[in-house]
Amino acid sequence: MTPSEIRYLTPISIEVKKEKYCRFKKSGIKYVDYKNPDFLLKFINEQGKILPRRVTGTSQKFQKKVNKAVKRARHLAILPYVADLMK
């Protein structure tokens, strides 16, 4: 059988990935406020871990600012260090 004669039972699914973008650059945010826990929860998973850049699409510059803001909020007890099913 040549490759052109091969037939598949199910069609081959090709994943179309959504374009990642930095939400800070797009909306023009210059400062990440550590006193806003609702905004910071978007960058934290259910266990309380900070989501990586490859998941959120945040640029390196703002990922550093998000990390610092989350750590400050944890230190001041605005956000928990560890949580079970936070969201």
PDB file of N, CA and C in Angstrom:
ATOM      1  N   MET A   1       0.838  -1.195   0.000  1.00  0.00           N
ATOM      2  CA  MET A   1       0.000   0.000   0.000  1.00  0.00           C
ATOM      3  C   MET A   1       0.875   1.247   0.000  1.00  0.00           C
ATOM      4  N   THR A   2       0.549   2.139  -0.816  1.00  0.00           N
ATOM      5  CA  THR A   2       1.256   3.412  -0.825  1.00  0.00           C
ATOM      6  C   THR A   2       0.581   4.357   0.163  1.00  0.00           C
ATOM      7  N   PRO A   3       1.273   5.378   0.607  1.00  0.00           N
ATOM      8  CA  PRO A   3       0.676   6.300   1.590  1.00  0.00           C
ATOM      9  C   PRO A   3      -0.633   6.940   1.127  1.00  0.00           C
ATOM     10  N   SER A   4      -0.827   7.084  -0.183  1.00  0.00           N
ATOM     11  CA  SER A   4      -2.062   7.701  -0.656  1.00  0.00           C
ATOM     12  C   SER A   4      -3.251   6.745  -0.556  1.00  0.00           C
ATOM     13  N   GLU A   5      -2.976   5.425  -0.459  1.00  0.00           N
ATOM     14  CA  GLU A   5      -4.050   4.441  -0.380  1.00  0.00           C
ATOM     15  C   GLU A   5      -4.491   4.144   1.047  1.00  0.00           C
ATOM     16  N   ILE A   6      -3.781   4.629   2.035  1.00  0.00           N
ATOM     17  CA  ILE A   6      -4.117   4.359   3.430  1.00  0.00           C
ATOM     18  C   ILE A   6      -5.374   5.142   3.794  1.00  0.00           C
ATOM     19  N   ARG A   7      -6.326   4.430   4.347  1.00  0.00           N
ATOM     20  CA  ARG A   7      -7.572   5.068   4.771  1.00  0.00           C
ATOM     21  C   ARG A   7      -7.686   4.942   6.282  1.00  0.00           C
ATOM     22  N   TYR A   8      -8.169   5.996   6.923  1.00  0.00           N
ATOM     23  CA  TYR A   8      -8.308   6.012   8.375  1.00  0.00           C
ATOM     24  C   TYR A   8      -9.772   5.837   8.750  1.00  0.00           C
ATOM     25  N   LEU A   9     -10.016   5.112   9.842  1.00  0.00           N
ATOM     26  CA  LEU A   9     -11.384   4.928  10.307  1.00  0.00           C
ATOM     27  C   LEU A   9     -11.956   6.232  10.856  1.00  0.00           C
ATOM     28  N   THR A  10     -11.134   6.941  11.568  1.00  0.00           N
ATOM     29  CA  THR A  10     -11.569   8.241  12.087  1.00  0.00           C
ATOM     30  C   THR A  10     -10.692   9.310  11.467  1.00  0.00           C
ATOM     31  N   PRO A  11     -11.248  10.459  11.199  1.00  0.00           N
ATOM     32  CA  PRO A  11     -10.418  11.507  10.595  1.00  0.00           C
ATOM     33  C   PRO A  11      -9.331  11.961  11.560  1.00  0.00           C
ATOM     34  N   ILE A  12      -8.197  12.317  11.008  1.00  0.00           N
ATOM     35  CA  ILE A  12      -7.070  12.767  11.819  1.00  0.00           C
ATOM     36  C   ILE A  12      -7.404  14.154  12.366  1.00  0.00           C
ATOM     37  N   SER A  13      -7.323  14.274  13.658  1.00  0.00           N
ATOM     38  CA  SER A  13      -7.640  15.576  14.269  1.00  0.00           C
ATOM     39  C   SER A  13      -6.366  16.404  14.366  1.00  0.00           C
ATOM     40  N   ILE A  14      -6.433  17.571  13.834  1.00  0.00           N
ATOM     41  CA  ILE A  14      -5.313  18.496  13.897  1.00  0.00           C
ATOM     42  C   ILE A  14      -5.682  19.578  14.902  1.00  0.00           C
ATOM     43  N   GLU A  15      -4.892  19.683  15.953  1.00  0.00           N
ATOM     44  CA  GLU A  15      -5.192  20.667  16.996  1.00  0.00           C
ATOM     45  C   GLU A  15      -4.819  22.057  16.533  1.00  0.00           C
ATOM     46  N   VAL A  16      -5.753  22.947  16.639  1.00  0.00           N
ATOM     47  CA  VAL A  16      -5.496  24.345  16.320  1.00  0.00           C
ATOM     48  C   VAL A  16      -5.348  25.066  17.653  1.00  0.00           C
ATOM     49  N   LYS A  17      -4.135  25.485  17.950  1.00  0.00           N
ATOM     50  CA  LYS A  17      -3.879  26.128  19.231  1.00  0.00           C
ATOM     51  C   LYS A  17      -4.273  27.589  19.167  1.00  0.00           C
ATOM     52  N   LYS A  18      -4.866  28.048  20.261  1.00  0.00           N
ATOM     53  CA  LYS A  18      -5.263  29.439  20.354  1.00  0.00           C
ATOM     54  C   LYS A  18      -4.017  30.291  20.550  1.00  0.00           C
ATOM     55  N   GLU A  19      -3.980  31.403  19.904  1.00  0.00           N
ATOM     56  CA  GLU A  19      -2.806  32.286  19.990  1.00  0.00           C
ATOM     57  C   GLU A  19      -2.674  32.832  21.408  1.00  0.00           C
ATOM     58  N   LYS A  20      -1.499  32.665  22.002  1.00  0.00           N
ATOM     59  CA  LYS A  20      -1.254  33.198  23.343  1.00  0.00           C
ATOM     60  C   LYS A  20      -0.869  34.662  23.233  1.00  0.00           C
ATOM     61  N   TYR A  21      -1.295  35.429  24.210  1.00  0.00           N
ATOM     62  CA  TYR A  21      -0.955  36.850  24.227  1.00  0.00           C
ATOM     63  C   TYR A  21      -0.768  37.294  25.667  1.00  0.00           C
ATOM     64  N   CYS A  22      -0.045  38.359  25.831  1.00  0.00           N
ATOM     65  CA  CYS A  22       0.171  38.914  27.165  1.00  0.00           C
ATOM     66  C   CYS A  22      -0.982  39.859  27.466  1.00  0.00           C
ATOM     67  N   ARG A  23      -1.789  39.517  28.463  1.00  0.00           N
ATOM     68  CA  ARG A  23      -2.963  40.338  28.759  1.00  0.00           C
ATOM     69  C   ARG A  23      -2.571  41.698  29.316  1.00  0.00           C
ATOM     70  N   PHE A  24      -1.365  41.817  29.849  1.00  0.00           N
ATOM     71  CA  PHE A  24      -0.913  43.099  30.377  1.00  0.00           C
ATOM     72  C   PHE A  24      -0.596  44.075  29.249  1.00  0.00           C
ATOM     73  N   LYS A  25       0.103  43.571  28.232  1.00  0.00           N
ATOM     74  CA  LYS A  25       0.435  44.419  27.087  1.00  0.00           C
ATOM     75  C   LYS A  25      -0.820  44.798  26.303  1.00  0.00           C
ATOM     76  N   LYS A  26      -1.739  43.839  26.186  1.00  0.00           N
ATOM     77  CA  LYS A  26      -2.948  44.078  25.406  1.00  0.00           C
ATOM     78  C   LYS A  26      -3.847  45.132  26.052  1.00  0.00           C
ATOM     79  N   SER A  27      -3.974  45.085  27.376  1.00  0.00           N
ATOM     80  CA  SER A  27      -4.856  46.037  28.058  1.00  0.00           C
ATOM     81  C   SER A  27      -4.116  47.258  28.595  1.00  0.00           C
ATOM     82  N   GLY A  28      -2.801  47.312  28.430  1.00  0.00           N
ATOM     83  CA  GLY A  28      -2.040  48.496  28.827  1.00  0.00           C
ATOM     84  C   GLY A  28      -1.775  48.622  30.317  1.00  0.00           C
ATOM     85  N   ILE A  29      -1.763  47.495  31.041  1.00  0.00           N
ATOM     86  CA  ILE A  29      -1.475  47.519  32.479  1.00  0.00           C
ATOM     87  C   ILE A  29       0.034  47.642  32.661  1.00  0.00           C
ATOM     88  N   LYS A  30       0.459  48.573  33.511  1.00  0.00           N
ATOM     89  CA  LYS A  30       1.894  48.761  33.743  1.00  0.00           C
ATOM     90  C   LYS A  30       2.320  48.308  35.127  1.00  0.00           C
ATOM     91  N   TYR A  31       1.361  48.209  36.073  1.00  0.00           N
ATOM     92  CA  TYR A  31       1.687  47.860  37.446  1.00  0.00           C
ATOM     93  C   TYR A  31       0.774  46.727  37.899  1.00  0.00           C
ATOM     94  N   VAL A  32       1.355  45.680  38.463  1.00  0.00           N
ATOM     95  CA  VAL A  32       0.583  44.559  39.000  1.00  0.00           C
ATOM     96  C   VAL A  32       0.397  44.810  40.489  1.00  0.00           C
ATOM     97  N   ASP A  33      -0.850  45.016  40.896  1.00  0.00           N
ATOM     98  CA  ASP A  33      -1.143  45.377  42.284  1.00  0.00           C
ATOM     99  C   ASP A  33      -1.258  44.117  43.140  1.00  0.00           C
ATOM    100  N   TYR A  34      -0.450  44.029  44.185  1.00  0.00           N
ATOM    101  CA  TYR A  34      -0.489  42.862  45.066  1.00  0.00           C
ATOM    102  C   TYR A  34      -1.673  42.914  46.022  1.00  0.00           C
ATOM    103  N   LYS A  35      -2.369  44.046  46.100  1.00  0.00           N
ATOM    104  CA  LYS A  35      -3.502  44.187  47.012  1.00  0.00           C
ATOM    105  C   LYS A  35      -4.826  43.793  46.362  1.00  0.00           C
ATOM    106  N   ASN A  36      -4.771  43.298  45.133  1.00  0.00           N
ATOM    107  CA  ASN A  36      -5.981  42.890  44.416  1.00  0.00           C
ATOM    108  C   ASN A  36      -6.002  41.362  44.274  1.00  0.00           C
ATOM    109  N   PRO A  37      -6.552  40.649  45.267  1.00  0.00           N
ATOM    110  CA  PRO A  37      -6.499  39.178  45.228  1.00  0.00           C
ATOM    111  C   PRO A  37      -7.342  38.567  44.115  1.00  0.00           C
ATOM    112  N   ASP A  38      -8.438  39.219  43.723  1.00  0.00           N
ATOM    113  CA  ASP A  38      -9.286  38.665  42.663  1.00  0.00           C
ATOM    114  C   ASP A  38      -8.534  38.588  41.336  1.00  0.00           C
ATOM    115  N   PHE A  39      -7.731  39.598  41.045  1.00  0.00           N
ATOM    116  CA  PHE A  39      -6.942  39.605  39.817  1.00  0.00           C
ATOM    117  C   PHE A  39      -5.818  38.580  39.890  1.00  0.00           C
ATOM    118  N   LEU A  40      -5.174  38.469  41.050  1.00  0.00           N
ATOM    119  CA  LEU A  40      -4.051  37.536  41.194  1.00  0.00           C
ATOM    120  C   LEU A  40      -4.493  36.075  41.167  1.00  0.00           C
ATOM    121  N   LEU A  41      -5.765  35.819  41.498  1.00  0.00           N
ATOM    122  CA  LEU A  41      -6.257  34.438  41.473  1.00  0.00           C
ATOM    123  C   LEU A  41      -6.277  33.860  40.064  1.00  0.00           C
ATOM    124  N   LYS A  42      -6.258  34.717  39.042  1.00  0.00           N
ATOM    125  CA  LYS A  42      -6.240  34.239  37.658  1.00  0.00           C
ATOM    126  C   LYS A  42      -4.899  33.592  37.311  1.00  0.00           C
ATOM    127  N   PHE A  43      -3.865  33.874  38.091  1.00  0.00           N
ATOM    128  CA  PHE A  43      -2.527  33.358  37.825  1.00  0.00           C
ATOM    129  C   PHE A  43      -2.141  32.253  38.795  1.00  0.00           C
ATOM    130  N   ILE A  44      -3.110  31.734  39.546  1.00  0.00           N
ATOM    131  CA  ILE A  44      -2.860  30.694  40.547  1.00  0.00           C
ATOM    132  C   ILE A  44      -3.796  29.526  40.273  1.00  0.00           C
ATOM    133  N   ASN A  45      -3.294  28.292  40.400  1.00  0.00           N
ATOM    134  CA  ASN A  45      -4.164  27.137  40.198  1.00  0.00           C
ATOM    135  C   ASN A  45      -4.888  26.773  41.491  1.00  0.00           C
ATOM    136  N   GLU A  46      -5.611  25.649  41.482  1.00  0.00           N
ATOM    137  CA  GLU A  46      -6.445  25.268  42.626  1.00  0.00           C
ATOM    138  C   GLU A  46      -5.644  24.985  43.885  1.00  0.00           C
ATOM    139  N   GLN A  47      -4.403  24.513  43.699  1.00  0.00           N
ATOM    140  CA  GLN A  47      -3.567  24.205  44.866  1.00  0.00           C
ATOM    141  C   GLN A  47      -2.855  25.426  45.412  1.00  0.00           C
ATOM    142  N   GLY A  48      -2.921  26.541  44.711  1.00  0.00           N
ATOM    143  CA  GLY A  48      -2.260  27.759  45.167  1.00  0.00           C
ATOM    144  C   GLY A  48      -0.917  27.989  44.502  1.00  0.00           C
ATOM    145  N   LYS A  49      -0.576  27.193  43.480  1.00  0.00           N
ATOM    146  CA  LYS A  49       0.703  27.360  42.788  1.00  0.00           C
ATOM    147  C   LYS A  49       0.581  28.418  41.701  1.00  0.00           C
ATOM    148  N   ILE A  50       1.664  29.132  41.459  1.00  0.00           N
ATOM    149  CA  ILE A  50       1.689  30.149  40.419  1.00  0.00           C
ATOM    150  C   ILE A  50       1.792  29.451  39.063  1.00  0.00           C
ATOM    151  N   LEU A  51       0.910  29.839  38.139  1.00  0.00           N
ATOM    152  CA  LEU A  51       0.907  29.229  36.809  1.00  0.00           C
ATOM    153  C   LEU A  51       2.096  29.726  35.997  1.00  0.00           C
ATOM    154  N   PRO A  52       2.727  28.857  35.198  1.00  0.00           N
ATOM    155  CA  PRO A  52       3.882  29.267  34.392  1.00  0.00           C
ATOM    156  C   PRO A  52       3.476  30.095  33.176  1.00  0.00           C
ATOM    157  N   ARG A  53       4.457  30.726  32.569  1.00  0.00           N
ATOM    158  CA  ARG A  53       4.245  31.575  31.396  1.00  0.00           C
ATOM    159  C   ARG A  53       3.671  30.798  30.227  1.00  0.00           C
ATOM    160  N   ARG A  54       4.108  29.564  30.060  1.00  0.00           N
ATOM    161  CA  ARG A  54       3.661  28.786  28.907  1.00  0.00           C
ATOM    162  C   ARG A  54       2.176  28.464  28.983  1.00  0.00           C
ATOM    163  N   VAL A  55       1.593  28.523  30.179  1.00  0.00           N
ATOM    164  CA  VAL A  55       0.160  28.283  30.341  1.00  0.00           C
ATOM    165  C   VAL A  55      -0.628  29.583  30.184  1.00  0.00           C
ATOM    166  N   THR A  56      -0.162  30.648  30.836  1.00  0.00           N
ATOM    167  CA  THR A  56      -0.915  31.900  30.830  1.00  0.00           C
ATOM    168  C   THR A  56      -0.634  32.763  29.612  1.00  0.00           C
ATOM    169  N   GLY A  57       0.545  32.622  29.005  1.00  0.00           N
ATOM    170  CA  GLY A  57       0.886  33.443  27.854  1.00  0.00           C
ATOM    171  C   GLY A  57       1.430  34.805  28.224  1.00  0.00           C
ATOM    172  N   THR A  58       1.722  35.018  29.498  1.00  0.00           N
ATOM    173  CA  THR A  58       2.244  36.294  29.970  1.00  0.00           C
ATOM    174  C   THR A  58       3.693  36.465  29.524  1.00  0.00           C
ATOM    175  N   SER A  59       4.087  37.695  29.230  1.00  0.00           N
ATOM    176  CA  SER A  59       5.465  37.954  28.834  1.00  0.00           C
ATOM    177  C   SER A  59       6.381  37.830  30.061  1.00  0.00           C
ATOM    178  N   GLN A  60       7.663  37.699  29.810  1.00  0.00           N
ATOM    179  CA  GLN A  60       8.623  37.482  30.892  1.00  0.00           C
ATOM    180  C   GLN A  60       8.647  38.655  31.865  1.00  0.00           C
ATOM    181  N   LYS A  61       8.589  39.853  31.339  1.00  0.00           N
ATOM    182  CA  LYS A  61       8.619  41.060  32.169  1.00  0.00           C
ATOM    183  C   LYS A  61       7.465  41.065  33.173  1.00  0.00           C
ATOM    184  N   PHE A  62       6.266  40.756  32.698  1.00  0.00           N
ATOM    185  CA  PHE A  62       5.103  40.799  33.575  1.00  0.00           C
ATOM    186  C   PHE A  62       4.977  39.538  34.419  1.00  0.00           C
ATOM    187  N   GLN A  63       5.542  38.418  33.970  1.00  0.00           N
ATOM    188  CA  GLN A  63       5.513  37.212  34.796  1.00  0.00           C
ATOM    189  C   GLN A  63       6.327  37.423  36.070  1.00  0.00           C
ATOM    190  N   LYS A  64       7.442  38.130  35.948  1.00  0.00           N
ATOM    191  CA  LYS A  64       8.240  38.446  37.137  1.00  0.00           C
ATOM    192  C   LYS A  64       7.460  39.333  38.093  1.00  0.00           C
ATOM    193  N   LYS A  65       6.725  40.298  37.534  1.00  0.00           N
ATOM    194  CA  LYS A  65       5.923  41.190  38.374  1.00  0.00           C
ATOM    195  C   LYS A  65       4.769  40.441  39.034  1.00  0.00           C
ATOM    196  N   VAL A  66       4.162  39.507  38.315  1.00  0.00           N
ATOM    197  CA  VAL A  66       3.079  38.700  38.880  1.00  0.00           C
ATOM    198  C   VAL A  66       3.617  37.837  40.012  1.00  0.00           C
ATOM    199  N   ASN A  67       4.783  37.212  39.797  1.00  0.00           N
ATOM    200  CA  ASN A  67       5.381  36.380  40.843  1.00  0.00           C
ATOM    201  C   ASN A  67       5.640  37.187  42.105  1.00  0.00           C
ATOM    202  N   LYS A  68       6.197  38.365  41.930  1.00  0.00           N
ATOM    203  CA  LYS A  68       6.496  39.205  43.078  1.00  0.00           C
ATOM    204  C   LYS A  68       5.217  39.640  43.790  1.00  0.00           C
ATOM    205  N   ALA A  69       4.185  39.984  43.022  1.00  0.00           N
ATOM    206  CA  ALA A  69       2.915  40.420  43.616  1.00  0.00           C
ATOM    207  C   ALA A  69       2.239  39.277  44.374  1.00  0.00           C
ATOM    208  N   VAL A  70       2.267  38.067  43.816  1.00  0.00           N
ATOM    209  CA  VAL A  70       1.653  36.919  44.493  1.00  0.00           C
ATOM    210  C   VAL A  70       2.403  36.614  45.787  1.00  0.00           C
ATOM    211  N   LYS A  71       3.722  36.673  45.731  1.00  0.00           N
ATOM    212  CA  LYS A  71       4.513  36.378  46.935  1.00  0.00           C
ATOM    213  C   LYS A  71       4.310  37.438  48.013  1.00  0.00           C
ATOM    214  N   ARG A  72       4.171  38.689  47.614  1.00  0.00           N
ATOM    215  CA  ARG A  72       3.879  39.748  48.591  1.00  0.00           C
ATOM    216  C   ARG A  72       2.499  39.562  49.204  1.00  0.00           C
ATOM    217  N   ALA A  73       1.523  39.216  48.370  1.00  0.00           N
ATOM    218  CA  ALA A  73       0.168  39.001  48.868  1.00  0.00           C
ATOM    219  C   ALA A  73       0.112  37.810  49.823  1.00  0.00           C
ATOM    220  N   ARG A  74       0.886  36.786  49.545  1.00  0.00           N
ATOM    221  CA  ARG A  74       0.948  35.643  50.460  1.00  0.00           C
ATOM    222  C   ARG A  74       1.568  36.043  51.788  1.00  0.00           C
ATOM    223  N   HIS A  75       2.617  36.836  51.720  1.00  0.00           N
ATOM    224  CA  HIS A  75       3.316  37.264  52.936  1.00  0.00           C
ATOM    225  C   HIS A  75       2.395  38.099  53.827  1.00  0.00           C
ATOM    226  N   LEU A  76       1.546  38.904  53.218  1.00  0.00           N
ATOM    227  CA  LEU A  76       0.624  39.749  53.976  1.00  0.00           C
ATOM    228  C   LEU A  76      -0.709  39.060  54.263  1.00  0.00           C
ATOM    229  N   ALA A  77      -0.810  37.764  53.967  1.00  0.00           N
ATOM    230  CA  ALA A  77      -1.998  36.947  54.226  1.00  0.00           C
ATOM    231  C   ALA A  77      -3.211  37.405  53.425  1.00  0.00           C
ATOM    232  N   ILE A  78      -2.983  38.001  52.266  1.00  0.00           N
ATOM    233  CA  ILE A  78      -4.083  38.326  51.362  1.00  0.00           C
ATOM    234  C   ILE A  78      -4.433  37.088  50.534  1.00  0.00           C
ATOM    235  N   LEU A  79      -3.405  36.314  50.167  1.00  0.00           N
ATOM    236  CA  LEU A  79      -3.580  35.040  49.478  1.00  0.00           C
ATOM    237  C   LEU A  79      -2.993  33.922  50.350  1.00  0.00           C
ATOM    238  N   PRO A  80      -3.559  32.724  50.282  1.00  0.00           N
ATOM    239  CA  PRO A  80      -2.986  31.615  51.046  1.00  0.00           C
ATOM    240  C   PRO A  80      -1.751  31.032  50.351  1.00  0.00           C
ATOM    241  N   TYR A  81      -0.848  30.482  51.136  1.00  0.00           N
ATOM    242  CA  TYR A  81       0.323  29.814  50.561  1.00  0.00           C
ATOM    243  C   TYR A  81      -0.109  28.509  49.899  1.00  0.00           C
ATOM    244  N   VAL A  82      -0.878  27.697  50.630  1.00  0.00           N
ATOM    245  CA  VAL A  82      -1.338  26.409  50.134  1.00  0.00           C
ATOM    246  C   VAL A  82      -2.850  26.344  50.352  1.00  0.00           C
ATOM    247  N   ALA A  83      -3.555  25.818  49.378  1.00  0.00           N
ATOM    248  CA  ALA A  83      -5.010  25.712  49.504  1.00  0.00           C
ATOM    249  C   ALA A  83      -5.498  24.457  48.799  1.00  0.00           C
ATOM    250  N   ASP A  84      -6.568  23.882  49.318  1.00  0.00           N
ATOM    251  CA  ASP A  84      -7.211  22.751  48.668  1.00  0.00           C
ATOM    252  C   ASP A  84      -8.453  23.255  47.966  1.00  0.00           C
ATOM    253  N   LEU A  85      -8.446  23.133  46.652  1.00  0.00           N
ATOM    254  CA  LEU A  85      -9.567  23.564  45.815  1.00  0.00           C
ATOM    255  C   LEU A  85      -9.977  24.993  46.117  1.00  0.00           C
ATOM    256  N   MET A  86      -9.058  25.896  45.834  1.00  0.00           N
ATOM    257  CA  MET A  86      -9.255  27.313  46.102  1.00  0.00           C
ATOM    258  C   MET A  86     -10.351  27.916  45.251  1.00  0.00           C
ATOM    259  N   LYS A  87     -10.444  27.494  43.989  1.00  0.00           N
ATOM    260  CA  LYS A  87     -11.428  28.105  43.081  1.00  0.00           C
ATOM    261  C   LYS A  87     -12.714  27.345  43.065  1.00  0.00           C
TER     262      LYS A  87
END
